[in-house]
N, C-alpha and C. Protein backbone atom coordinates (compact mmCIF):
# COMPACT_ATOMS: atom_id res chain seq x y z
N MET A 1 19.10 108.10 3.12
CA MET A 1 17.67 108.32 3.24
C MET A 1 17.37 109.79 3.00
N GLY A 2 16.34 110.08 2.30
CA GLY A 2 15.91 111.45 2.08
C GLY A 2 16.80 112.19 1.12
N ASN A 3 16.39 113.38 0.76
CA ASN A 3 17.18 114.22 -0.11
C ASN A 3 18.37 114.77 0.64
N LYS A 4 19.46 115.04 -0.10
CA LYS A 4 20.67 115.54 0.51
C LYS A 4 21.07 116.83 -0.20
N MET A 5 21.50 117.81 0.57
CA MET A 5 21.91 119.07 0.00
C MET A 5 23.20 119.51 0.69
N ASN A 6 24.25 119.77 -0.09
CA ASN A 6 25.52 120.23 0.46
C ASN A 6 25.57 121.74 0.39
N MET A 7 25.99 122.36 1.48
CA MET A 7 26.05 123.82 1.53
C MET A 7 27.38 124.27 2.11
N GLY A 8 28.41 124.31 1.31
CA GLY A 8 29.70 124.85 1.74
C GLY A 8 30.27 124.26 3.01
N ASN A 9 31.54 124.41 3.19
CA ASN A 9 32.25 124.00 4.40
C ASN A 9 31.91 122.58 4.87
N GLY A 10 31.52 121.72 3.94
CA GLY A 10 31.23 120.33 4.31
C GLY A 10 29.92 120.13 5.03
N ASN A 11 29.06 121.16 5.11
CA ASN A 11 27.77 121.01 5.76
C ASN A 11 26.82 120.27 4.84
N THR A 12 26.19 119.22 5.34
CA THR A 12 25.23 118.44 4.56
C THR A 12 23.92 118.41 5.32
N PHE A 13 22.84 118.73 4.61
CA PHE A 13 21.51 118.71 5.21
C PHE A 13 20.68 117.66 4.48
N HIS A 14 19.94 116.89 5.21
CA HIS A 14 19.09 115.86 4.63
C HIS A 14 17.65 116.33 4.67
N GLY A 15 16.84 115.88 3.69
CA GLY A 15 15.43 116.25 3.63
C GLY A 15 14.70 115.94 4.92
N ASN A 16 15.11 114.85 5.59
CA ASN A 16 14.43 114.48 6.83
C ASN A 16 14.67 115.48 7.95
N VAL A 17 15.75 116.25 7.87
CA VAL A 17 16.00 117.30 8.87
C VAL A 17 14.91 118.36 8.75
N VAL A 18 14.55 118.69 7.52
CA VAL A 18 13.48 119.67 7.28
C VAL A 18 12.17 119.14 7.84
N LEU A 19 11.89 117.86 7.62
CA LEU A 19 10.66 117.27 8.13
C LEU A 19 10.63 117.28 9.65
N ALA A 20 11.74 117.01 10.29
CA ALA A 20 11.81 117.06 11.75
C ALA A 20 11.52 118.48 12.24
N LYS A 21 12.01 119.47 11.52
CA LYS A 21 11.73 120.86 11.88
C LYS A 21 10.25 121.17 11.71
N ASN A 22 9.61 120.55 10.70
CA ASN A 22 8.17 120.73 10.51
C ASN A 22 7.38 120.21 11.71
N ILE A 23 7.86 119.13 12.31
CA ILE A 23 7.21 118.57 13.50
C ILE A 23 7.24 119.62 14.62
N LYS A 24 8.41 120.17 14.85
CA LYS A 24 8.55 121.18 15.90
C LYS A 24 7.67 122.39 15.60
N ASN A 25 7.65 122.82 14.34
CA ASN A 25 6.83 123.97 13.95
C ASN A 25 5.34 123.69 14.13
N SER A 26 4.92 122.48 13.81
CA SER A 26 3.51 122.11 13.99
C SER A 26 3.12 122.19 15.46
N PHE A 27 3.99 121.69 16.33
CA PHE A 27 3.68 121.76 17.76
C PHE A 27 3.66 123.21 18.23
N ASN A 28 4.66 123.99 17.83
CA ASN A 28 4.74 125.38 18.28
C ASN A 28 3.58 126.23 17.77
N ALA A 29 3.01 125.87 16.62
CA ALA A 29 1.90 126.63 16.04
C ALA A 29 0.55 126.22 16.62
N MET A 30 0.52 125.14 17.37
CA MET A 30 -0.74 124.62 17.91
C MET A 30 -1.28 125.59 18.97
N PRO A 31 -2.51 126.09 18.78
CA PRO A 31 -3.09 126.97 19.79
C PRO A 31 -3.48 126.16 21.03
N THR A 32 -2.83 126.39 22.14
CA THR A 32 -3.00 125.54 23.32
C THR A 32 -3.89 126.16 24.41
N GLU A 33 -4.31 127.41 24.22
CA GLU A 33 -5.02 128.09 25.31
C GLU A 33 -6.30 127.39 25.75
N ASN A 34 -6.97 126.66 24.89
CA ASN A 34 -8.22 125.98 25.25
C ASN A 34 -8.03 124.47 25.41
N MET A 35 -6.80 124.03 25.46
CA MET A 35 -6.52 122.60 25.58
C MET A 35 -6.16 122.23 27.02
N GLU A 36 -6.44 120.98 27.36
CA GLU A 36 -6.02 120.47 28.66
C GLU A 36 -4.49 120.47 28.70
N PRO A 37 -3.89 120.98 29.76
CA PRO A 37 -2.43 121.00 29.85
C PRO A 37 -1.80 119.60 29.69
N GLU A 38 -2.47 118.58 30.20
CA GLU A 38 -1.94 117.22 30.08
C GLU A 38 -1.89 116.79 28.61
N LEU A 39 -2.91 117.15 27.84
CA LEU A 39 -2.93 116.81 26.42
C LEU A 39 -1.80 117.53 25.68
N VAL A 40 -1.59 118.78 26.00
CA VAL A 40 -0.50 119.54 25.38
C VAL A 40 0.83 118.87 25.68
N GLU A 41 1.02 118.46 26.92
CA GLU A 41 2.27 117.82 27.32
C GLU A 41 2.46 116.48 26.60
N LEU A 42 1.39 115.71 26.45
CA LEU A 42 1.49 114.43 25.74
C LEU A 42 1.85 114.64 24.27
N ILE A 43 1.25 115.64 23.65
CA ILE A 43 1.55 115.92 22.24
C ILE A 43 2.98 116.45 22.11
N LYS A 44 3.42 117.22 23.08
CA LYS A 44 4.81 117.70 23.06
C LYS A 44 5.78 116.52 23.14
N GLU A 45 5.48 115.58 24.03
CA GLU A 45 6.33 114.39 24.17
C GLU A 45 6.32 113.57 22.88
N LEU A 46 5.14 113.44 22.27
CA LEU A 46 5.04 112.73 21.00
C LEU A 46 5.85 113.43 19.92
N SER A 47 5.82 114.75 19.92
CA SER A 47 6.59 115.49 18.90
C SER A 47 8.07 115.16 18.99
N GLY A 48 8.59 115.05 20.21
CA GLY A 48 10.00 114.71 20.39
C GLY A 48 10.32 113.32 19.85
N LEU A 49 9.42 112.37 20.09
CA LEU A 49 9.64 111.01 19.60
C LEU A 49 9.55 110.94 18.08
N VAL A 50 8.61 111.69 17.50
CA VAL A 50 8.47 111.70 16.04
C VAL A 50 9.70 112.36 15.42
N GLU A 51 10.16 113.46 16.02
CA GLU A 51 11.39 114.11 15.53
C GLU A 51 12.57 113.12 15.57
N GLU A 52 12.64 112.34 16.62
CA GLU A 52 13.71 111.35 16.77
C GLU A 52 13.60 110.24 15.72
N ALA A 53 12.37 109.89 15.37
CA ALA A 53 12.14 108.80 14.43
C ALA A 53 12.37 109.21 12.97
N ILE A 54 12.10 110.45 12.64
CA ILE A 54 12.15 110.93 11.24
C ILE A 54 13.44 110.53 10.52
N PRO A 55 14.63 110.76 11.09
CA PRO A 55 15.84 110.39 10.36
C PRO A 55 16.07 108.89 10.22
N LYS A 56 15.30 108.09 10.94
CA LYS A 56 15.50 106.65 10.96
C LYS A 56 14.58 105.89 10.01
N VAL A 57 13.68 106.60 9.35
CA VAL A 57 12.73 105.95 8.45
C VAL A 57 12.93 106.46 7.03
N ASP A 58 12.34 105.78 6.07
CA ASP A 58 12.49 106.21 4.68
C ASP A 58 11.75 107.54 4.45
N GLU A 59 12.09 108.19 3.36
CA GLU A 59 11.58 109.53 3.08
C GLU A 59 10.05 109.57 3.00
N GLY A 60 9.45 108.58 2.35
CA GLY A 60 8.00 108.55 2.23
C GLY A 60 7.31 108.45 3.58
N THR A 61 7.83 107.57 4.42
CA THR A 61 7.27 107.41 5.77
C THR A 61 7.47 108.68 6.58
N ALA A 62 8.64 109.28 6.48
CA ALA A 62 8.93 110.52 7.20
C ALA A 62 7.99 111.63 6.78
N THR A 63 7.75 111.76 5.49
CA THR A 63 6.85 112.80 4.99
C THR A 63 5.43 112.56 5.50
N GLN A 64 4.98 111.32 5.46
CA GLN A 64 3.63 110.99 5.93
C GLN A 64 3.50 111.28 7.42
N MET A 65 4.51 110.91 8.20
CA MET A 65 4.46 111.17 9.65
C MET A 65 4.41 112.67 9.93
N SER A 66 5.17 113.44 9.18
CA SER A 66 5.18 114.89 9.36
C SER A 66 3.81 115.48 9.06
N GLN A 67 3.21 115.05 7.97
CA GLN A 67 1.88 115.55 7.60
C GLN A 67 0.84 115.12 8.63
N ASP A 68 0.92 113.88 9.08
CA ASP A 68 -0.05 113.39 10.05
C ASP A 68 0.11 114.05 11.41
N PHE A 69 1.34 114.37 11.79
CA PHE A 69 1.54 115.08 13.05
C PHE A 69 0.93 116.47 12.96
N GLU A 70 1.10 117.12 11.83
CA GLU A 70 0.50 118.44 11.63
C GLU A 70 -1.03 118.35 11.73
N THR A 71 -1.61 117.34 11.10
CA THR A 71 -3.07 117.14 11.18
C THR A 71 -3.50 116.91 12.62
N LEU A 72 -2.74 116.10 13.33
CA LEU A 72 -3.04 115.82 14.74
C LEU A 72 -3.06 117.10 15.56
N THR A 73 -2.04 117.93 15.41
CA THR A 73 -1.97 119.15 16.22
C THR A 73 -3.12 120.10 15.91
N LYS A 74 -3.46 120.21 14.64
CA LYS A 74 -4.58 121.09 14.26
C LYS A 74 -5.90 120.55 14.80
N GLU A 75 -6.09 119.27 14.69
CA GLU A 75 -7.36 118.67 15.12
C GLU A 75 -7.49 118.66 16.64
N ALA A 76 -6.41 118.32 17.34
CA ALA A 76 -6.45 118.25 18.81
C ALA A 76 -6.72 119.62 19.43
N ALA A 77 -6.36 120.68 18.73
CA ALA A 77 -6.53 122.03 19.27
C ALA A 77 -7.94 122.58 19.04
N THR A 78 -8.77 121.87 18.28
CA THR A 78 -10.12 122.37 18.04
C THR A 78 -10.99 122.15 19.26
N GLU A 79 -12.09 122.86 19.30
CA GLU A 79 -13.01 122.74 20.43
C GLU A 79 -13.60 121.33 20.53
N ALA A 80 -13.86 120.73 19.39
CA ALA A 80 -14.41 119.37 19.36
C ALA A 80 -13.62 118.54 18.34
N PRO A 81 -12.48 118.00 18.75
CA PRO A 81 -11.65 117.22 17.82
C PRO A 81 -12.44 116.05 17.21
N ARG A 82 -12.25 115.85 15.92
CA ARG A 82 -12.89 114.73 15.25
C ARG A 82 -12.06 113.47 15.52
N LYS A 83 -12.66 112.56 16.27
CA LYS A 83 -11.94 111.37 16.72
C LYS A 83 -11.35 110.57 15.57
N GLN A 84 -12.08 110.49 14.45
CA GLN A 84 -11.57 109.71 13.32
C GLN A 84 -10.29 110.33 12.76
N TRP A 85 -10.23 111.65 12.69
CA TRP A 85 -9.03 112.32 12.17
C TRP A 85 -7.86 112.12 13.13
N VAL A 86 -8.15 112.25 14.42
CA VAL A 86 -7.11 112.04 15.43
C VAL A 86 -6.61 110.60 15.36
N SER A 87 -7.54 109.66 15.30
CA SER A 87 -7.18 108.25 15.25
C SER A 87 -6.38 107.91 13.99
N LEU A 88 -6.81 108.41 12.86
CA LEU A 88 -6.10 108.16 11.60
C LEU A 88 -4.68 108.71 11.66
N SER A 89 -4.53 109.91 12.18
CA SER A 89 -3.20 110.52 12.30
C SER A 89 -2.30 109.71 13.23
N LEU A 90 -2.83 109.35 14.38
CA LEU A 90 -2.06 108.58 15.35
C LEU A 90 -1.70 107.20 14.81
N ASP A 91 -2.66 106.55 14.15
CA ASP A 91 -2.39 105.22 13.59
C ASP A 91 -1.25 105.27 12.58
N SER A 92 -1.24 106.31 11.76
CA SER A 92 -0.18 106.45 10.76
C SER A 92 1.18 106.68 11.42
N ILE A 93 1.20 107.48 12.47
CA ILE A 93 2.45 107.75 13.19
C ILE A 93 2.94 106.46 13.87
N ILE A 94 2.01 105.72 14.47
CA ILE A 94 2.38 104.44 15.08
C ILE A 94 2.97 103.50 14.04
N LYS A 95 2.30 103.39 12.90
CA LYS A 95 2.77 102.50 11.84
C LYS A 95 4.17 102.91 11.38
N GLY A 96 4.43 104.19 11.28
CA GLY A 96 5.73 104.67 10.84
C GLY A 96 6.86 104.38 11.81
N THR A 97 6.51 104.22 13.08
CA THR A 97 7.55 104.01 14.10
C THR A 97 7.58 102.60 14.67
N GLU A 98 6.65 101.75 14.27
CA GLU A 98 6.51 100.45 14.92
C GLU A 98 7.75 99.56 14.82
N LYS A 99 8.57 99.74 13.81
CA LYS A 99 9.77 98.91 13.65
C LYS A 99 10.98 99.50 14.36
N LEU A 100 10.82 100.65 14.96
CA LEU A 100 11.93 101.31 15.66
C LEU A 100 11.87 100.93 17.13
N VAL A 101 12.76 100.06 17.53
CA VAL A 101 12.75 99.52 18.89
C VAL A 101 12.83 100.63 19.94
N ASP A 102 13.62 101.66 19.67
CA ASP A 102 13.85 102.70 20.67
C ASP A 102 12.67 103.66 20.86
N VAL A 103 11.78 103.80 19.88
CA VAL A 103 10.67 104.76 20.02
C VAL A 103 9.29 104.17 19.75
N GLY A 104 9.20 103.07 19.05
CA GLY A 104 7.91 102.52 18.64
C GLY A 104 6.93 102.28 19.78
N GLY A 105 7.37 101.62 20.82
CA GLY A 105 6.50 101.35 21.96
C GLY A 105 6.07 102.60 22.69
N LYS A 106 6.99 103.54 22.82
CA LYS A 106 6.67 104.81 23.48
C LYS A 106 5.62 105.59 22.69
N VAL A 107 5.77 105.59 21.37
CA VAL A 107 4.82 106.29 20.50
C VAL A 107 3.43 105.67 20.65
N ALA A 108 3.36 104.35 20.63
CA ALA A 108 2.07 103.67 20.76
C ALA A 108 1.39 103.98 22.10
N ALA A 109 2.17 103.99 23.17
CA ALA A 109 1.62 104.30 24.50
C ALA A 109 1.10 105.74 24.57
N LEU A 110 1.88 106.67 24.05
CA LEU A 110 1.45 108.07 24.04
C LEU A 110 0.22 108.26 23.16
N ALA A 111 0.20 107.59 22.02
CA ALA A 111 -0.94 107.71 21.10
C ALA A 111 -2.23 107.27 21.78
N ALA A 112 -2.16 106.20 22.55
CA ALA A 112 -3.36 105.72 23.26
C ALA A 112 -3.86 106.76 24.24
N LYS A 113 -2.95 107.41 24.96
CA LYS A 113 -3.34 108.43 25.93
C LYS A 113 -3.93 109.65 25.22
N ILE A 114 -3.32 110.07 24.11
CA ILE A 114 -3.81 111.22 23.35
C ILE A 114 -5.19 110.93 22.79
N ALA A 115 -5.36 109.76 22.21
CA ALA A 115 -6.66 109.38 21.63
C ALA A 115 -7.76 109.40 22.69
N ALA A 116 -7.44 108.94 23.88
CA ALA A 116 -8.42 108.91 24.96
C ALA A 116 -8.84 110.31 25.40
N MET A 117 -7.95 111.28 25.23
CA MET A 117 -8.24 112.65 25.67
C MET A 117 -8.93 113.50 24.60
N CYS A 118 -8.87 113.05 23.37
CA CYS A 118 -9.46 113.85 22.28
C CYS A 118 -10.90 113.44 22.00
């Protein structure tokens, strides 16, 4: 799954590793000073689940989830988040993880809580 790049000494990096790092970067770049602490914590928890899911899905789905998570973090941090953008981002992330038994249900539950707070 994903692009593969070999870099000496038998180290292999997959494109999905980069996407997982983008998830972490999106969360870390999110301005949280005007956000409810509970919302920040829910998005942080979601970021961990999305990072966990990225290597388990195809490259297209992983890329879409990464982009949608970035959109979610930017929108949730605004003074008046646009519910449609939040909902669209969360729906896409749910769809990307729904077949993953270990994270799909958790993602859906967190998404519902995040949507209610935005």
